[in-house]
Amino acid sequence: EMAGFSDSERHEYLAGFGVNQTGLDRLIQGAYDELGLISFLTAGIKEARAWTIKKGTTALAAAGVIHTDFEKGFVKAAVVSFEDFVQYRGWEGAKEAGKVWLEGRDYLAQDGDVFDFKINCPISIEVINSTSGHFLIILFSRPLNCFKPFSLLLASI
């Protein structure tokens, strides 16, 4: 019945019953509590995503949930609460408002933390030889989403 309601109509309808969450929302929250789960988020230019972890998970282990290379190369994590992230309209606004802080590998992730993991990416080198006596050296980071700049070098043998 509430599927077609606007946010304000939904809030008013629920308030009439003396509750502030739908039954489904309460069921999901209860299941998370019973199983000892929380959610953290990552947000970038292309996407925002929620990740489920156990309560008591460190920032290091949370990074590993995304990708094992994130755990291996973990340096630190920029953190902001979900509420501040929304209120200040993303990373830039939250940074300007002084709401972003840095944490190390032992930080215990909190429900609703938004993380920007800073990782040290290993560099791979690929050499492509040509018949003309030149070769191309390509340096790139692994995984490719490490955002390290890559270099192309052309050299003579």
C-alpha atoms as a PDB file:
ATOM      1  CA  GLU A   1       0.000   0.000   0.000  1.00  0.00           C
ATOM      2  CA  MET A   2       2.822   2.432   0.854  1.00  0.00           C
ATOM      3  CA  ALA A   3       4.748   1.730  -2.359  1.00  0.00           C
ATOM      4  CA  GLY A   4       3.130   4.656  -4.154  1.00  0.00           C
ATOM      5  CA  PHE A   5       3.555   7.117  -1.265  1.00  0.00           C
ATOM      6  CA  SER A   6       5.957  10.030  -1.345  1.00  0.00           C
ATOM      7  CA  ASP A   7       8.509  10.265   1.480  1.00  0.00           C
ATOM      8  CA  SER A   8       6.391  12.779   3.380  1.00  0.00           C
ATOM      9  CA  GLU A   9       3.223  10.689   2.939  1.00  0.00           C
ATOM     10  CA  ARG A  10       5.072   7.568   4.097  1.00  0.00           C
ATOM     11  CA  HIS A  11       6.388   9.389   7.187  1.00  0.00           C
ATOM     12  CA  GLU A  12       2.915  10.738   8.018  1.00  0.00           C
ATOM     13  CA  TYR A  13       1.308   7.310   7.512  1.00  0.00           C
ATOM     14  CA  LEU A  14       3.837   5.558   9.768  1.00  0.00           C
ATOM     15  CA  ALA A  15       3.560   8.291  12.403  1.00  0.00           C
ATOM     16  CA  GLY A  16      -0.169   7.580  12.554  1.00  0.00           C
ATOM     17  CA  PHE A  17       0.736   4.117  13.850  1.00  0.00           C
ATOM     18  CA  GLY A  18       3.398   5.453  16.219  1.00  0.00           C
ATOM     19  CA  VAL A  19       6.337   4.005  14.270  1.00  0.00           C
ATOM     20  CA  ASN A  20       9.061   5.582  12.169  1.00  0.00           C
ATOM     21  CA  GLN A  21      10.124   2.534  10.108  1.00  0.00           C
ATOM     22  CA  THR A  22       8.272   0.102   7.893  1.00  0.00           C
ATOM     23  CA  GLY A  23       7.933  -3.516   8.964  1.00  0.00           C
ATOM     24  CA  LEU A  24      10.439  -4.535   6.296  1.00  0.00           C
ATOM     25  CA  ASP A  25      12.976  -1.985   7.537  1.00  0.00           C
ATOM     26  CA  ARG A  26      12.528  -3.230  11.121  1.00  0.00           C
ATOM     27  CA  LEU A  27      12.889  -6.858   9.970  1.00  0.00           C
ATOM     28  CA  ILE A  28      16.118  -6.120   8.111  1.00  0.00           C
ATOM     29  CA  GLN A  29      17.561  -4.146  11.049  1.00  0.00           C
ATOM     30  CA  GLY A  30      16.566  -6.903  13.476  1.00  0.00           C
ATOM     31  CA  ALA A  31      18.217  -9.559  11.304  1.00  0.00           C
ATOM     32  CA  TYR A  32      21.419  -7.492  11.069  1.00  0.00           C
ATOM     33  CA  ASP A  33      21.430  -7.023  14.857  1.00  0.00           C
ATOM     34  CA  GLU A  34      20.782 -10.707  15.531  1.00  0.00           C
ATOM     35  CA  LEU A  35      23.543 -11.786  13.132  1.00  0.00           C
ATOM     36  CA  GLY A  36      25.987  -9.136  14.391  1.00  0.00           C
ATOM     37  CA  LEU A  37      26.246  -7.371  11.025  1.00  0.00           C
ATOM     38  CA  ILE A  38      26.789  -3.737  10.048  1.00  0.00           C
ATOM     39  CA  SER A  39      27.178  -1.908   6.758  1.00  0.00           C
ATOM     40  CA  PHE A  40      29.891   0.434   5.563  1.00  0.00           C
ATOM     41  CA  LEU A  41      29.811   2.380   2.340  1.00  0.00           C
ATOM     42  CA  THR A  42      32.139   3.438  -0.422  1.00  0.00           C
ATOM     43  CA  ALA A  43      31.287   6.354  -2.668  1.00  0.00           C
ATOM     44  CA  GLY A  44      33.067   7.583  -5.747  1.00  0.00           C
ATOM     45  CA  ILE A  45      32.267   9.519  -8.870  1.00  0.00           C
ATOM     46  CA  LYS A  46      30.736   6.543 -10.682  1.00  0.00           C
ATOM     47  CA  GLU A  47      28.972   4.668  -7.886  1.00  0.00           C
ATOM     48  CA  ALA A  48      28.118   4.344  -4.237  1.00  0.00           C
ATOM     49  CA  ARG A  49      27.919   0.924  -2.657  1.00  0.00           C
ATOM     50  CA  ALA A  50      27.091  -0.641   0.696  1.00  0.00           C
ATOM     51  CA  TRP A  51      29.150  -3.558   2.014  1.00  0.00           C
ATOM     52  CA  THR A  52      28.092  -5.924   4.814  1.00  0.00           C
ATOM     53  CA  ILE A  53      30.602  -6.918   7.494  1.00  0.00           C
ATOM     54  CA  LYS A  54      30.562  -8.341  11.030  1.00  0.00           C
ATOM     55  CA  LYS A  55      30.559  -5.912  13.971  1.00  0.00           C
ATOM     56  CA  GLY A  56      34.131  -5.505  15.209  1.00  0.00           C
ATOM     57  CA  THR A  57      35.699  -5.656  11.724  1.00  0.00           C
ATOM     58  CA  THR A  58      38.800  -3.510  11.311  1.00  0.00           C
ATOM     59  CA  ALA A  59      39.286  -1.021   8.483  1.00  0.00           C
ATOM     60  CA  LEU A  60      41.962  -3.347   7.099  1.00  0.00           C
ATOM     61  CA  ALA A  61      39.577  -6.318   6.925  1.00  0.00           C
ATOM     62  CA  ALA A  62      36.795  -4.101   5.538  1.00  0.00           C
ATOM     63  CA  ALA A  63      39.111  -3.050   2.704  1.00  0.00           C
ATOM     64  CA  GLY A  64      39.706  -6.750   2.006  1.00  0.00           C
ATOM     65  CA  VAL A  65      35.967  -7.313   1.579  1.00  0.00           C
ATOM     66  CA  ILE A  66      36.150  -5.072  -1.489  1.00  0.00           C
ATOM     67  CA  HIS A  67      39.289  -6.683  -2.927  1.00  0.00           C
ATOM     68  CA  THR A  68      42.188  -8.616  -1.432  1.00  0.00           C
ATOM     69  CA  ASP A  69      44.632  -6.184  -3.080  1.00  0.00           C
ATOM     70  CA  PHE A  70      43.031  -3.386  -1.044  1.00  0.00           C
ATOM     71  CA  GLU A  71      43.854  -5.296   2.131  1.00  0.00           C
ATOM     72  CA  LYS A  72      47.404  -6.113   1.009  1.00  0.00           C
ATOM     73  CA  GLY A  73      48.160  -2.507   0.047  1.00  0.00           C
ATOM     74  CA  PHE A  74      46.205  -0.781   2.832  1.00  0.00           C
ATOM     75  CA  VAL A  75      47.813   2.470   4.001  1.00  0.00           C
ATOM     76  CA  LYS A  76      44.961   4.344   5.709  1.00  0.00           C
ATOM     77  CA  ALA A  77      41.291   5.155   5.320  1.00  0.00           C
ATOM     78  CA  ALA A  78      39.508   8.475   5.042  1.00  0.00           C
ATOM     79  CA  VAL A  79      36.259   8.142   6.990  1.00  0.00           C
ATOM     80  CA  VAL A  80      33.072  10.189   7.299  1.00  0.00           C
ATOM     81  CA  SER A  81      29.723   9.282   8.805  1.00  0.00           C
ATOM     82  CA  PHE A  82      26.877   8.621   6.396  1.00  0.00           C
ATOM     83  CA  GLU A  83      24.845  11.458   7.926  1.00  0.00           C
ATOM     84  CA  ASP A  84      27.674  13.967   7.399  1.00  0.00           C
ATOM     85  CA  PHE A  85      28.369  12.620   3.911  1.00  0.00           C
ATOM     86  CA  VAL A  86      24.757  13.284   2.911  1.00  0.00           C
ATOM     87  CA  GLN A  87      24.441  16.605   4.773  1.00  0.00           C
ATOM     88  CA  TYR A  88      27.596  18.031   3.171  1.00  0.00           C
ATOM     89  CA  ARG A  89      26.883  16.503  -0.245  1.00  0.00           C
ATOM     90  CA  GLY A  90      29.827  14.166  -0.631  1.00  0.00           C
ATOM     91  CA  TRP A  91      33.528  13.991   0.028  1.00  0.00           C
ATOM     92  CA  GLU A  92      34.449  17.556  -0.896  1.00  0.00           C
ATOM     93  CA  GLY A  93      31.754  19.172   1.233  1.00  0.00           C
ATOM     94  CA  ALA A  94      32.491  16.883   4.175  1.00  0.00           C
ATOM     95  CA  LYS A  95      36.224  17.674   3.910  1.00  0.00           C
ATOM     96  CA  GLU A  96      35.539  21.413   3.796  1.00  0.00           C
ATOM     97  CA  ALA A  97      33.319  21.081   6.889  1.00  0.00           C
ATOM     98  CA  GLY A  98      36.075  19.178   8.733  1.00  0.00           C
ATOM     99  CA  LYS A  99      33.978  16.016   9.015  1.00  0.00           C
ATOM    100  CA  VAL A 100      36.458  13.631   7.336  1.00  0.00           C
ATOM    101  CA  TRP A 101      39.144  11.988   9.451  1.00  0.00           C
ATOM    102  CA  LEU A 102      41.922   9.474   8.790  1.00  0.00           C
ATOM    103  CA  GLU A 103      42.140   6.071  10.437  1.00  0.00           C
ATOM    104  CA  GLY A 104      44.662   3.250  10.384  1.00  0.00           C
ATOM    105  CA  ARG A 105      44.341  -0.478   9.897  1.00  0.00           C
ATOM    106  CA  ASP A 106      43.108  -1.183  13.454  1.00  0.00           C
ATOM    107  CA  TYR A 107      40.142   1.213  13.355  1.00  0.00           C
ATOM    108  CA  LEU A 108      36.895  -0.650  14.069  1.00  0.00           C
ATOM    109  CA  ALA A 109      34.401   0.099  11.314  1.00  0.00           C
ATOM    110  CA  GLN A 110      31.133   1.585  12.547  1.00  0.00           C
ATOM    111  CA  ASP A 111      27.700   1.070  11.040  1.00  0.00           C
ATOM    112  CA  GLY A 112      27.237   3.739   8.372  1.00  0.00           C
ATOM    113  CA  ASP A 113      30.900   4.716   7.956  1.00  0.00           C
ATOM    114  CA  VAL A 114      31.765   5.902   4.464  1.00  0.00           C
ATOM    115  CA  PHE A 115      35.324   4.901   3.549  1.00  0.00           C
ATOM    116  CA  ASP A 116      37.841   6.089   0.982  1.00  0.00           C
ATOM    117  CA  PHE A 117      40.622   3.523   1.275  1.00  0.00           C
ATOM    118  CA  LYS A 118      44.122   4.762   0.526  1.00  0.00           C
ATOM    119  CA  ILE A 119      46.165   1.892  -0.812  1.00  0.00           C
ATOM    120  CA  ASN A 120      49.683   1.364  -2.055  1.00  0.00           C
ATOM    121  CA  CYS A 121      49.465  -0.440  -5.361  1.00  0.00           C
ATOM    122  CA  PRO A 122      52.208  -2.669  -6.686  1.00  0.00           C
ATOM    123  CA  ILE A 123      53.449  -1.708 -10.123  1.00  0.00           C
ATOM    124  CA  SER A 124      53.666  -4.222 -12.949  1.00  0.00           C
ATOM    125  CA  ILE A 125      56.092  -3.809 -15.815  1.00  0.00           C
ATOM    126  CA  GLU A 126      55.463  -5.190 -19.275  1.00  0.00           C
ATOM    127  CA  VAL A 127      58.088  -5.043 -22.006  1.00  0.00           C
ATOM    128  CA  ILE A 128      56.989  -5.322 -25.630  1.00  0.00           C
ATOM    129  CA  ASN A 129      59.830  -5.909 -28.062  1.00  0.00           C
ATOM    130  CA  SER A 130      59.586  -4.957 -31.713  1.00  0.00           C
ATOM    131  CA  THR A 131      61.535  -6.106 -34.755  1.00  0.00           C
ATOM    132  CA  SER A 132      62.791  -2.546 -35.352  1.00  0.00           C
ATOM    133  CA  GLY A 133      65.104  -2.663 -32.329  1.00  0.00           C
ATOM    134  CA  HIS A 134      62.798  -0.602 -30.150  1.00  0.00           C
ATOM    135  CA  PHE A 135      60.816  -1.823 -27.211  1.00  0.00           C
ATOM    136  CA  LEU A 136      57.941  -0.406 -25.288  1.00  0.00           C
ATOM    137  CA  ILE A 137      57.952  -0.493 -21.504  1.00  0.00           C
ATOM    138  CA  ILE A 138      54.541  -0.143 -19.917  1.00  0.00           C
ATOM    139  CA  LEU A 139      54.202   0.524 -16.194  1.00  0.00           C
ATOM    140  CA  PHE A 140      50.764   0.033 -14.740  1.00  0.00           C
ATOM    141  CA  SER A 141      49.251  -0.536 -11.358  1.00  0.00           C
ATOM    142  CA  ARG A 142      47.546  -3.719 -10.209  1.00  0.00           C
ATOM    143  CA  PRO A 143      44.677  -3.743  -9.627  1.00  0.00           C
ATOM    144  CA  LEU A 144      43.937  -1.282 -12.391  1.00  0.00           C
ATOM    145  CA  ASN A 145      41.666   0.784 -10.123  1.00  0.00           C
ATOM    146  CA  CYS A 146      44.565   1.929  -7.907  1.00  0.00           C
ATOM    147  CA  PHE A 147      44.606   5.268  -9.724  1.00  0.00           C
ATOM    148  CA  LYS A 148      48.371   5.476  -9.943  1.00  0.00           C
ATOM    149  CA  PRO A 149      49.445   7.225 -13.126  1.00  0.00           C
ATOM    150  CA  PHE A 150      50.988   4.994 -15.700  1.00  0.00           C
ATOM    151  CA  SER A 151      53.996   5.737 -17.856  1.00  0.00           C
ATOM    152  CA  LEU A 152      54.942   4.706 -21.354  1.00  0.00           C
ATOM    153  CA  LEU A 153      58.597   4.667 -22.319  1.00  0.00           C
ATOM    154  CA  LEU A 154      60.059   3.990 -25.763  1.00  0.00           C
ATOM    155  CA  ALA A 155      63.708   3.011 -25.774  1.00  0.00           C
ATOM    156  CA  SER A 156      66.283   1.703 -28.242  1.00  0.00           C
ATOM    157  CA  ILE A 157      68.192  -1.527 -27.759  1.00  0.00           C
END
